[in-house]
Amino acid sequence: MDIDLQNKKIELIQWLSTLDDQSLIDKLMKLRKKEKTDWWNEISIDEQKSIEQGIQDAENGKLTSHSNVKKIYEKWL
């Protein structure tokens, strides 16, 4: 592990151990919980269906090359 990263983690642990601000601790706990949340559960059902359809299309070989997509949409790029 990067020594600089290790030092930053130690510094944060030391700072956190002296922290008395309840609202800041609550914010940190929310951040921690959010980091553990699976993004899949945070997106809409329509977005999930769209991603699943894209995966299925790719698995079935229904793909369009990047160069073809650029030709189709070049007037907007």
Protein backbone atom coordinates (compact mmCIF):
# COMPACT_ATOMS: atom_id res chain seq x y z
CA MET A 1 0.00 0.00 0.00
CA ASP A 2 1.15 3.53 -0.78
CA ILE A 3 2.87 5.00 2.29
CA ASP A 4 1.22 8.40 1.66
CA LEU A 5 -2.21 6.79 1.67
CA GLN A 6 -1.35 4.94 4.88
CA ASN A 7 -0.27 8.21 6.52
CA LYS A 8 -3.50 9.92 5.46
CA LYS A 9 -5.55 7.11 6.95
CA ILE A 10 -3.67 7.34 10.24
CA GLU A 11 -4.14 11.11 10.28
CA LEU A 12 -7.88 10.69 9.73
CA ILE A 13 -8.14 8.08 12.48
CA GLN A 14 -6.34 10.36 14.90
CA TRP A 15 -8.55 13.32 13.96
CA LEU A 16 -11.72 11.24 14.22
CA SER A 17 -10.76 9.97 17.66
CA THR A 18 -10.71 13.55 18.98
CA LEU A 19 -13.92 14.66 17.28
CA ASP A 20 -16.77 15.80 19.54
CA ASP A 21 -19.07 17.37 16.95
CA GLN A 22 -22.12 15.09 16.78
CA SER A 23 -23.45 16.61 13.56
CA LEU A 24 -20.14 16.07 11.79
CA ILE A 25 -19.98 12.49 13.04
CA ASP A 26 -23.53 11.94 11.73
CA LYS A 27 -22.51 13.33 8.34
CA LEU A 28 -19.52 11.01 8.24
CA MET A 29 -21.72 8.04 9.12
CA LYS A 30 -24.12 8.95 6.28
CA LEU A 31 -21.18 9.19 3.89
CA ARG A 32 -19.93 5.81 5.04
CA LYS A 33 -23.36 4.25 4.57
CA LYS A 34 -23.72 5.79 1.12
CA GLU A 35 -20.34 4.40 0.07
CA LYS A 36 -21.58 0.92 0.96
CA THR A 37 -24.78 1.33 -1.07
CA ASP A 38 -24.91 -0.53 -4.35
CA TRP A 39 -25.49 2.02 -7.13
CA TRP A 40 -27.76 -0.48 -8.90
CA ASN A 41 -30.35 -0.03 -6.15
CA GLU A 42 -30.12 3.75 -6.50
CA ILE A 43 -31.12 3.97 -10.18
CA SER A 44 -34.65 3.81 -11.57
CA ILE A 45 -36.32 0.64 -12.84
CA ASP A 46 -36.24 2.10 -16.37
CA GLU A 47 -32.48 2.64 -16.10
CA GLN A 48 -32.01 -0.92 -14.83
CA LYS A 49 -34.07 -2.29 -17.73
CA SER A 50 -32.10 -0.22 -20.22
CA ILE A 51 -28.78 -1.51 -18.88
CA GLU A 52 -30.03 -5.10 -18.88
CA GLN A 53 -31.25 -4.69 -22.48
CA GLY A 54 -27.84 -3.32 -23.48
CA ILE A 55 -26.08 -6.27 -21.90
CA GLN A 56 -28.44 -8.69 -23.61
CA ASP A 57 -27.90 -6.95 -26.97
CA ALA A 58 -24.13 -7.14 -26.53
CA GLU A 59 -24.29 -10.82 -25.63
CA ASN A 60 -26.35 -11.44 -28.78
CA GLY A 61 -23.89 -9.55 -30.95
CA LYS A 62 -26.24 -6.64 -31.60
CA LEU A 63 -23.52 -4.00 -31.53
CA THR A 64 -22.79 -0.87 -33.54
CA SER A 65 -19.20 0.17 -34.07
CA HIS A 66 -17.94 3.43 -32.68
CA SER A 67 -17.17 4.73 -36.18
CA ASN A 68 -20.75 4.07 -37.34
CA VAL A 69 -22.16 5.82 -34.29
CA LYS A 70 -19.90 8.81 -34.96
CA LYS A 71 -21.21 8.98 -38.56
CA ILE A 72 -24.83 8.87 -37.38
CA TYR A 73 -24.41 11.54 -34.73
CA GLU A 74 -21.62 13.68 -36.20
CA LYS A 75 -23.92 16.62 -36.85
CA TRP A 76 -24.53 16.90 -33.08
CA LEU A 77 -20.92 16.36 -32.01
